[in-house]
Structure formats: structure tokens, C-alpha cells
Amino acid sequence: METFFKELDAVVEEGWAQIKHGDFWNYSLSNPTPPALYQQLMLQVYHYTRYNSVNEAACAFSADPGDTALLRFVYKHALEELGHERMVLRDLESVGLLPREMPAPLAPTQALIAFLNDVAIRKGPIARLGYSYWAEDVYEHIQPILESFRAALGLKDEQMTFFVAHSAIDEKHSEEVRLAMQRAVRTDEDRRQIKEVARVTLWLTGQLMEEALRAYQVKEPLQEAYPICT
């Protein structure tokens, strides 16, 4: 498994390298983040996060009922992902950027959601671990972007709950994902699918960022904000 983890880490590092050479990354590190761009990106995070619990749970349909350890991981992880998108709404509300009407997700965001739904139904929980592997361990990579957000918008920790509070949750999840892989991954096909899902989901995430920047640059109006009902 150590060899496999090194191969998977290489896939993840390559994916992040592509993202970091993209326009969104360069713009965000070279310019103060405009509120409209921050809003656009966080709305995409909201949209795909809404489905993470659902497509995690849906993996059970393609699982071997006898693989109780893997199913226990799926059920537990799906429950613990439930409702995390509400952190995004609270973060946007705290800076007056929660839209009165929620816009549709951008095309790459829709593609990411659809791809993960497809993985869940057709390939099952082992393949989806390729997404969980990097998604639960992003903070080292995205820290410069978070600091850019914080500086440009004057954000406090309590206004960045999705990233700040979430990071402690994901640290535990990252360890659980590695353990699930050690227990469940048995074949070359398992390993191939995990690496492929990691590669595709990271690429789609990068495209999501690029499209968020393009939407901002064509001067789409800032979504009218309103207080969220709690």
C-alpha cells in the first residue's frame, strides 16, 4: 500500500500543480480578492458540498453487502458530511454576500456533481475514495488562497467556518480514508479507479475555479444579498 499511496500522492500533486498554474490561482495571489469573485467561488463550493453526503451514501448501492467495514465507513462518513454546505451560507451571510435567490451552479460545478454521482452508482465506494483522499486533505494547498480571502475581505475565523472549523473535521476524515483504503483496496483495478477519480475530480475542481473567475471577469452582477433565516 505504501507504493500505491506514493503513486496516488503523485496524481494529487500533479492535479494541484495544474490548478496553481491556472488563471484563478494567479489572479487571487496577485490581486485583492473582489467580493463578487469570493461570492462566486463560495457559491460553487456550496453547490457541490450539498451533494457530498448524498453521493457518499449512494455508494452503498454498488458495495458488496458482505464488506461491512467499508459500508460502515460509507455510512459514517456520509452522515458526518451532512449539512456542511450550511457553513458556506453562514460564511457568506456574515459578510453580506448571501444571494437573495440561489443561482444555478456553473458548468464545471455541475460536471463535478454529475461525475461523483456516476462514480457512486456505477463504480461504488472504493473508486470514490479517490475523491475523498485529496478532498479531505486540501488545506496545505489552499492556505495561500484562504489568506488572500482573509486579507482582502477582512475575514475573521468565525466568518470562514467552512474552511477553518471544517479543517479539524477533515483531518480526522483523512486518516479514516487512508485506513479504509488499506482495508478495502485489493486489486489493480481498485487502484486504477481510485487514481482516475482523484485525477478527474481535481481537474474539475480546477475548472470550477477557472469558470468562477471568468464569470466574475465578464462582470456578472453581484448577487443581491439578504439575511439567511436561521
C-alpha atoms as a PDB file:
ATOM      1  CA  MET A   1       0.000   0.000   0.000  1.00  0.00           C
ATOM      2  CA  GLU A   2       2.874   2.408   0.595  1.00  0.00           C
ATOM      3  CA  THR A   3       3.802   2.227  -3.087  1.00  0.00           C
ATOM      4  CA  PHE A   4       0.187   2.869  -4.032  1.00  0.00           C
ATOM      5  CA  PHE A   5      -0.076   5.861  -1.699  1.00  0.00           C
ATOM      6  CA  LYS A   6       3.044   7.339  -3.301  1.00  0.00           C
ATOM      7  CA  GLU A   7       1.523   6.866  -6.750  1.00  0.00           C
ATOM      8  CA  LEU A   8      -1.747   8.426  -5.604  1.00  0.00           C
ATOM      9  CA  ASP A   9       0.098  11.334  -3.992  1.00  0.00           C
ATOM     10  CA  ALA A  10       1.851  11.943  -7.310  1.00  0.00           C
ATOM     11  CA  VAL A  11      -1.530  12.129  -9.084  1.00  0.00           C
ATOM     12  CA  VAL A  12      -2.789  14.608  -6.493  1.00  0.00           C
ATOM     13  CA  GLU A  13       0.346  16.743  -6.649  1.00  0.00           C
ATOM     14  CA  GLU A  14       0.121  16.900 -10.434  1.00  0.00           C
ATOM     15  CA  GLY A  15      -3.511  17.973 -10.188  1.00  0.00           C
ATOM     16  CA  TRP A  16      -2.694  20.758  -7.748  1.00  0.00           C
ATOM     17  CA  ALA A  17       0.250  21.867  -9.868  1.00  0.00           C
ATOM     18  CA  GLN A  18      -2.121  22.387 -12.802  1.00  0.00           C
ATOM     19  CA  ILE A  19      -4.528  24.347 -10.598  1.00  0.00           C
ATOM     20  CA  LYS A  20      -1.714  26.529  -9.286  1.00  0.00           C
ATOM     21  CA  HIS A  21      -0.675  27.407 -12.829  1.00  0.00           C
ATOM     22  CA  GLY A  22      -4.238  28.447 -13.666  1.00  0.00           C
ATOM     23  CA  ASP A  23      -5.650  31.927 -14.062  1.00  0.00           C
ATOM     24  CA  PHE A  24      -7.755  31.806 -10.900  1.00  0.00           C
ATOM     25  CA  TRP A  25      -4.796  30.967  -8.686  1.00  0.00           C
ATOM     26  CA  ASN A  26      -2.539  33.576 -10.248  1.00  0.00           C
ATOM     27  CA  TYR A  27      -5.239  36.258 -10.112  1.00  0.00           C
ATOM     28  CA  SER A  28      -6.075  35.520  -6.485  1.00  0.00           C
ATOM     29  CA  LEU A  29      -2.459  35.724  -5.355  1.00  0.00           C
ATOM     30  CA  SER A  30      -1.718  38.845  -7.410  1.00  0.00           C
ATOM     31  CA  ASN A  31      -4.824  40.906  -6.617  1.00  0.00           C
ATOM     32  CA  PRO A  32      -7.042  41.626  -3.631  1.00  0.00           C
ATOM     33  CA  THR A  33      -9.998  39.251  -3.918  1.00  0.00           C
ATOM     34  CA  PRO A  34     -13.104  41.208  -5.025  1.00  0.00           C
ATOM     35  CA  PRO A  35     -16.285  40.410  -3.066  1.00  0.00           C
ATOM     36  CA  ALA A  36     -18.026  39.308  -6.290  1.00  0.00           C
ATOM     37  CA  LEU A  37     -15.308  36.748  -7.052  1.00  0.00           C
ATOM     38  CA  TYR A  38     -15.324  35.415  -3.496  1.00  0.00           C
ATOM     39  CA  GLN A  39     -19.099  35.125  -3.655  1.00  0.00           C
ATOM     40  CA  GLN A  40     -18.962  33.308  -6.993  1.00  0.00           C
ATOM     41  CA  LEU A  41     -16.407  30.765  -5.774  1.00  0.00           C
ATOM     42  CA  MET A  42     -18.158  30.112  -2.477  1.00  0.00           C
ATOM     43  CA  LEU A  43     -21.471  29.557  -4.264  1.00  0.00           C
ATOM     44  CA  GLN A  44     -19.795  26.782  -6.261  1.00  0.00           C
ATOM     45  CA  VAL A  45     -18.450  25.277  -3.039  1.00  0.00           C
ATOM     46  CA  TYR A  46     -21.971  25.393  -1.644  1.00  0.00           C
ATOM     47  CA  HIS A  47     -23.450  23.618  -4.659  1.00  0.00           C
ATOM     48  CA  TYR A  48     -21.092  20.648  -4.775  1.00  0.00           C
ATOM     49  CA  THR A  49     -20.885  20.288  -0.991  1.00  0.00           C
ATOM     50  CA  ARG A  50     -24.670  19.853  -0.868  1.00  0.00           C
ATOM     51  CA  TYR A  51     -24.284  16.554  -2.719  1.00  0.00           C
ATOM     52  CA  ASN A  52     -21.241  15.101  -0.955  1.00  0.00           C
ATOM     53  CA  SER A  53     -23.266  13.354   1.731  1.00  0.00           C
ATOM     54  CA  VAL A  54     -25.765  12.084  -0.843  1.00  0.00           C
ATOM     55  CA  ASN A  55     -23.299  10.630  -3.317  1.00  0.00           C
ATOM     56  CA  GLU A  56     -21.244   9.154  -0.476  1.00  0.00           C
ATOM     57  CA  ALA A  57     -24.326   7.315   0.790  1.00  0.00           C
ATOM     58  CA  ALA A  58     -25.284   6.281  -2.754  1.00  0.00           C
ATOM     59  CA  CYS A  59     -22.026   4.318  -2.972  1.00  0.00           C
ATOM     60  CA  ALA A  60     -23.655   1.681  -0.787  1.00  0.00           C
ATOM     61  CA  PHE A  61     -25.772   0.545  -3.763  1.00  0.00           C
ATOM     62  CA  SER A  62     -22.633  -0.663  -5.539  1.00  0.00           C
ATOM     63  CA  ALA A  63     -20.922  -2.129  -2.481  1.00  0.00           C
ATOM     64  CA  ASP A  64     -20.574  -5.764  -1.555  1.00  0.00           C
ATOM     65  CA  PRO A  65     -23.054  -6.257   1.326  1.00  0.00           C
ATOM     66  CA  GLY A  66     -20.515  -8.539   2.951  1.00  0.00           C
ATOM     67  CA  ASP A  67     -17.892  -5.799   3.133  1.00  0.00           C
ATOM     68  CA  THR A  68     -19.209  -4.469   6.424  1.00  0.00           C
ATOM     69  CA  ALA A  69     -16.069  -2.489   7.315  1.00  0.00           C
ATOM     70  CA  LEU A  70     -16.267  -0.496   4.077  1.00  0.00           C
ATOM     71  CA  LEU A  71     -20.020   0.016   4.407  1.00  0.00           C
ATOM     72  CA  ARG A  72     -19.581   1.191   7.975  1.00  0.00           C
ATOM     73  CA  PHE A  73     -17.110   3.784   6.692  1.00  0.00           C
ATOM     74  CA  VAL A  74     -19.534   4.878   3.954  1.00  0.00           C
ATOM     75  CA  TYR A  75     -22.494   5.299   6.309  1.00  0.00           C
ATOM     76  CA  LYS A  76     -20.472   7.115   8.966  1.00  0.00           C
ATOM     77  CA  HIS A  77     -18.742   9.409   6.509  1.00  0.00           C
ATOM     78  CA  ALA A  78     -21.987  10.250   4.686  1.00  0.00           C
ATOM     79  CA  LEU A  79     -23.635  11.218   7.974  1.00  0.00           C
ATOM     80  CA  GLU A  80     -20.688  13.360   9.028  1.00  0.00           C
ATOM     81  CA  GLU A  81     -20.745  15.240   5.700  1.00  0.00           C
ATOM     82  CA  LEU A  82     -24.438  16.053   6.067  1.00  0.00           C
ATOM     83  CA  GLY A  83     -25.214  19.770   6.253  1.00  0.00           C
ATOM     84  CA  HIS A  84     -21.687  21.104   5.749  1.00  0.00           C
ATOM     85  CA  GLU A  85     -22.957  23.361   2.967  1.00  0.00           C
ATOM     86  CA  ARG A  86     -24.756  25.410   5.623  1.00  0.00           C
ATOM     87  CA  MET A  87     -21.358  26.595   6.828  1.00  0.00           C
ATOM     88  CA  VAL A  88     -20.890  28.189   3.406  1.00  0.00           C
ATOM     89  CA  LEU A  89     -24.233  30.002   3.698  1.00  0.00           C
ATOM     90  CA  ARG A  90     -23.371  31.321   7.138  1.00  0.00           C
ATOM     91  CA  ASP A  91     -19.949  32.481   5.932  1.00  0.00           C
ATOM     92  CA  LEU A  92     -21.492  34.354   3.011  1.00  0.00           C
ATOM     93  CA  GLU A  93     -24.181  35.864   5.213  1.00  0.00           C
ATOM     94  CA  SER A  94     -21.573  37.105   7.681  1.00  0.00           C
ATOM     95  CA  VAL A  95     -20.082  39.388   5.004  1.00  0.00           C
ATOM     96  CA  GLY A  96     -23.368  40.330   3.338  1.00  0.00           C
ATOM     97  CA  LEU A  97     -22.843  38.147   0.279  1.00  0.00           C
ATOM     98  CA  LEU A  98     -25.605  35.550   0.640  1.00  0.00           C
ATOM     99  CA  PRO A  99     -27.767  35.900  -2.510  1.00  0.00           C
ATOM    100  CA  ARG A 100     -31.480  36.522  -2.288  1.00  0.00           C
ATOM    101  CA  GLU A 101     -32.014  33.755  -4.873  1.00  0.00           C
ATOM    102  CA  MET A 102     -29.502  30.956  -5.254  1.00  0.00           C
ATOM    103  CA  PRO A 103     -28.076  30.950  -8.799  1.00  0.00           C
ATOM    104  CA  ALA A 104     -27.543  27.701 -10.691  1.00  0.00           C
ATOM    105  CA  PRO A 105     -24.091  26.140 -10.399  1.00  0.00           C
ATOM    106  CA  LEU A 106     -21.580  26.908 -13.119  1.00  0.00           C
ATOM    107  CA  ALA A 107     -20.944  24.226 -15.756  1.00  0.00           C
ATOM    108  CA  PRO A 108     -17.809  22.654 -14.179  1.00  0.00           C
ATOM    109  CA  THR A 109     -19.602  22.504 -10.828  1.00  0.00           C
ATOM    110  CA  GLN A 110     -22.474  20.648 -12.455  1.00  0.00           C
ATOM    111  CA  ALA A 111     -19.964  18.317 -14.095  1.00  0.00           C
ATOM    112  CA  LEU A 112     -18.256  17.595 -10.758  1.00  0.00           C
ATOM    113  CA  ILE A 113     -21.575  16.788  -9.098  1.00  0.00           C
ATOM    114  CA  ALA A 114     -22.643  14.588 -12.014  1.00  0.00           C
ATOM    115  CA  PHE A 115     -19.305  12.774 -12.141  1.00  0.00           C
ATOM    116  CA  LEU A 116     -19.398  11.938  -8.436  1.00  0.00           C
ATOM    117  CA  ASN A 117     -22.985  10.750  -8.729  1.00  0.00           C
ATOM    118  CA  ASP A 118     -21.916   8.493 -11.596  1.00  0.00           C
ATOM    119  CA  VAL A 119     -18.940   7.161  -9.643  1.00  0.00           C
ATOM    120  CA  ALA A 120     -21.189   6.405  -6.685  1.00  0.00           C
ATOM    121  CA  ILE A 121     -23.767   4.449  -8.679  1.00  0.00           C
ATOM    122  CA  ARG A 122     -21.599   2.716 -11.291  1.00  0.00           C
ATOM    123  CA  LYS A 123     -18.281   2.200  -9.522  1.00  0.00           C
ATOM    124  CA  GLY A 124     -19.012   2.321  -5.828  1.00  0.00           C
ATOM    125  CA  PRO A 125     -17.254   3.267  -2.608  1.00  0.00           C
ATOM    126  CA  ILE A 126     -13.719   2.115  -3.398  1.00  0.00           C
ATOM    127  CA  ALA A 127     -13.455   4.302  -6.510  1.00  0.00           C
ATOM    128  CA  ARG A 128     -14.955   7.296  -4.680  1.00  0.00           C
ATOM    129  CA  LEU A 129     -12.140   7.099  -2.145  1.00  0.00           C
ATOM    130  CA  GLY A 130     -10.032   8.776  -4.823  1.00  0.00           C
ATOM    131  CA  TYR A 131     -12.068  11.949  -4.315  1.00  0.00           C
ATOM    132  CA  SER A 132     -12.155  11.712  -0.530  1.00  0.00           C
ATOM    133  CA  TYR A 133      -8.396  11.137  -0.400  1.00  0.00           C
ATOM    134  CA  TRP A 134      -7.485  14.603  -1.658  1.00  0.00           C
ATOM    135  CA  ALA A 135     -10.677  16.487  -0.699  1.00  0.00           C
ATOM    136  CA  GLU A 136     -10.158  15.734   2.983  1.00  0.00           C
ATOM    137  CA  ASP A 137      -6.555  16.970   2.840  1.00  0.00           C
ATOM    138  CA  VAL A 138      -6.605  20.240   0.878  1.00  0.00           C
ATOM    139  CA  TYR A 139      -5.611  22.802   3.462  1.00  0.00           C
ATOM    140  CA  GLU A 140      -1.868  22.769   2.880  1.00  0.00           C
ATOM    141  CA  HIS A 141      -2.565  23.542  -0.780  1.00  0.00           C
ATOM    142  CA  ILE A 142      -5.278  26.173  -0.420  1.00  0.00           C
ATOM    143  CA  GLN A 143      -3.817  28.094   2.522  1.00  0.00           C
ATOM    144  CA  PRO A 144      -2.401  30.891   0.307  1.00  0.00           C
ATOM    145  CA  ILE A 145      -5.828  31.415  -1.259  1.00  0.00           C
ATOM    146  CA  LEU A 146      -7.523  31.466   2.132  1.00  0.00           C
ATOM    147  CA  GLU A 147      -5.041  34.056   3.350  1.00  0.00           C
ATOM    148  CA  SER A 148      -5.773  36.134   0.255  1.00  0.00           C
ATOM    149  CA  PHE A 149      -9.502  35.972   1.035  1.00  0.00           C
ATOM    150  CA  ARG A 150      -8.877  36.849   4.661  1.00  0.00           C
ATOM    151  CA  ALA A 151      -6.703  39.857   3.867  1.00  0.00           C
ATOM    152  CA  ALA A 152      -8.833  41.304   1.061  1.00  0.00           C
ATOM    153  CA  LEU A 153     -12.197  40.934   2.786  1.00  0.00           C
ATOM    154  CA  GLY A 154     -11.120  41.335   6.398  1.00  0.00           C
ATOM    155  CA  LEU A 155     -12.423  37.903   7.320  1.00  0.00           C
ATOM    156  CA  LYS A 156     -12.197  36.510  10.838  1.00  0.00           C
ATOM    157  CA  ASP A 157     -12.103  32.809  11.695  1.00  0.00           C
ATOM    158  CA  GLU A 158     -15.789  32.892  12.623  1.00  0.00           C
ATOM    159  CA  GLN A 159     -16.552  34.154   9.087  1.00  0.00           C
ATOM    160  CA  MET A 160     -14.607  31.284   7.486  1.00  0.00           C
ATOM    161  CA  THR A 161     -16.200  28.367   9.280  1.00  0.00           C
ATOM    162  CA  PHE A 162     -16.348  26.143   6.210  1.00  0.00           C
ATOM    163  CA  PHE A 163     -12.568  26.228   5.912  1.00  0.00           C
ATOM    164  CA  VAL A 164     -11.416  26.866   9.487  1.00  0.00           C
ATOM    165  CA  ALA A 165     -13.769  24.694  11.535  1.00  0.00           C
ATOM    166  CA  HIS A 166     -14.049  22.196   8.706  1.00  0.00           C
ATOM    167  CA  SER A 167     -10.288  21.614   8.673  1.00  0.00           C
ATOM    168  CA  ALA A 168     -10.372  19.924  12.084  1.00  0.00           C
ATOM    169  CA  ILE A 169     -13.168  17.614  10.904  1.00  0.00           C
ATOM    170  CA  ASP A 170     -11.332  16.765   7.700  1.00  0.00           C
ATOM    171  CA  GLU A 171      -8.081  15.951   9.491  1.00  0.00           C
ATOM    172  CA  LYS A 172      -9.852  13.052  11.191  1.00  0.00           C
ATOM    173  CA  HIS A 173     -11.598  12.084   7.953  1.00  0.00           C
ATOM    174  CA  SER A 174      -8.291  11.990   6.077  1.00  0.00           C
ATOM    175  CA  GLU A 175      -6.932   9.385   8.481  1.00  0.00           C
ATOM    176  CA  GLU A 176     -10.133   7.364   8.138  1.00  0.00           C
ATOM    177  CA  VAL A 177      -9.919   7.449   4.323  1.00  0.00           C
ATOM    178  CA  ARG A 178      -6.377   6.037   4.381  1.00  0.00           C
ATOM    179  CA  LEU A 179      -7.480   3.305   6.777  1.00  0.00           C
ATOM    180  CA  ALA A 180     -10.467   2.460   4.566  1.00  0.00           C
ATOM    181  CA  MET A 181      -8.132   2.131   1.574  1.00  0.00           C
ATOM    182  CA  GLN A 182      -5.764  -0.129   3.494  1.00  0.00           C
ATOM    183  CA  ARG A 183      -8.662  -2.410   4.352  1.00  0.00           C
ATOM    184  CA  ALA A 184     -10.627  -2.344   1.086  1.00  0.00           C
ATOM    185  CA  VAL A 185      -8.198  -1.930  -1.815  1.00  0.00           C
ATOM    186  CA  ARG A 186      -7.261  -5.346  -3.148  1.00  0.00           C
ATOM    187  CA  THR A 187      -6.823  -5.280  -6.927  1.00  0.00           C
ATOM    188  CA  ASP A 188      -5.032  -3.325  -9.629  1.00  0.00           C
ATOM    189  CA  GLU A 189      -8.450  -2.227 -10.904  1.00  0.00           C
ATOM    190  CA  ASP A 190      -9.299  -0.785  -7.471  1.00  0.00           C
ATOM    191  CA  ARG A 191      -6.072   1.190  -7.532  1.00  0.00           C
ATOM    192  CA  ARG A 192      -6.612   2.364 -11.117  1.00  0.00           C
ATOM    193  CA  GLN A 193     -10.122   3.595 -10.400  1.00  0.00           C
ATOM    194  CA  ILE A 194      -9.067   5.461  -7.255  1.00  0.00           C
ATOM    195  CA  LYS A 195      -6.291   7.273  -9.124  1.00  0.00           C
ATOM    196  CA  GLU A 196      -8.621   8.083 -12.017  1.00  0.00           C
ATOM    197  CA  VAL A 197     -11.308   9.506  -9.739  1.00  0.00           C
ATOM    198  CA  ALA A 198      -8.693  11.592  -7.923  1.00  0.00           C
ATOM    199  CA  ARG A 199      -7.356  12.924 -11.222  1.00  0.00           C
ATOM    200  CA  VAL A 200     -10.745  13.787 -12.730  1.00  0.00           C
ATOM    201  CA  THR A 201     -12.256  15.369  -9.609  1.00  0.00           C
ATOM    202  CA  LEU A 202      -9.190  17.540  -9.059  1.00  0.00           C
ATOM    203  CA  TRP A 203      -9.246  18.634 -12.695  1.00  0.00           C
ATOM    204  CA  LEU A 204     -12.947  19.502 -12.458  1.00  0.00           C
ATOM    205  CA  THR A 205     -12.295  21.442  -9.268  1.00  0.00           C
ATOM    206  CA  GLY A 206      -9.650  23.437 -11.094  1.00  0.00           C
ATOM    207  CA  GLN A 207     -12.082  24.112 -13.922  1.00  0.00           C
ATOM    208  CA  LEU A 208     -14.643  25.249 -11.357  1.00  0.00           C
ATOM    209  CA  MET A 209     -12.158  27.856 -10.117  1.00  0.00           C
ATOM    210  CA  GLU A 210     -11.345  28.986 -13.640  1.00  0.00           C
ATOM    211  CA  GLU A 211     -15.019  29.359 -14.527  1.00  0.00           C
ATOM    212  CA  ALA A 212     -15.701  31.303 -11.324  1.00  0.00           C
ATOM    213  CA  LEU A 213     -13.010  33.784 -12.393  1.00  0.00           C
ATOM    214  CA  ARG A 214     -14.415  34.017 -15.931  1.00  0.00           C
ATOM    215  CA  ALA A 215     -17.915  34.649 -14.576  1.00  0.00           C
ATOM    216  CA  TYR A 216     -16.526  37.474 -12.460  1.00  0.00           C
ATOM    217  CA  GLN A 217     -14.490  38.948 -15.325  1.00  0.00           C
ATOM    218  CA  VAL A 218     -17.456  39.186 -17.674  1.00  0.00           C
ATOM    219  CA  LYS A 219     -18.868  41.399 -14.936  1.00  0.00           C
ATOM    220  CA  GLU A 220     -21.830  39.311 -13.930  1.00  0.00           C
ATOM    221  CA  PRO A 221     -23.603  41.412 -11.281  1.00  0.00           C
ATOM    222  CA  LEU A 222     -23.007  40.676  -7.624  1.00  0.00           C
ATOM    223  CA  GLN A 223     -25.878  38.513  -6.464  1.00  0.00           C
ATOM    224  CA  GLU A 224     -28.231  40.618  -4.343  1.00  0.00           C
ATOM    225  CA  ALA A 225     -27.709  39.618  -0.753  1.00  0.00           C
ATOM    226  CA  TYR A 226     -30.162  39.077   2.043  1.00  0.00           C
ATOM    227  CA  PRO A 227     -30.060  37.700   5.626  1.00  0.00           C
ATOM    228  CA  ILE A 228     -30.418  33.935   5.873  1.00  0.00           C
ATOM    229  CA  CYS A 229     -33.213  32.549   8.018  1.00  0.00           C
ATOM    230  CA  THR A 230     -31.870  30.503  10.947  1.00  0.00           C
END
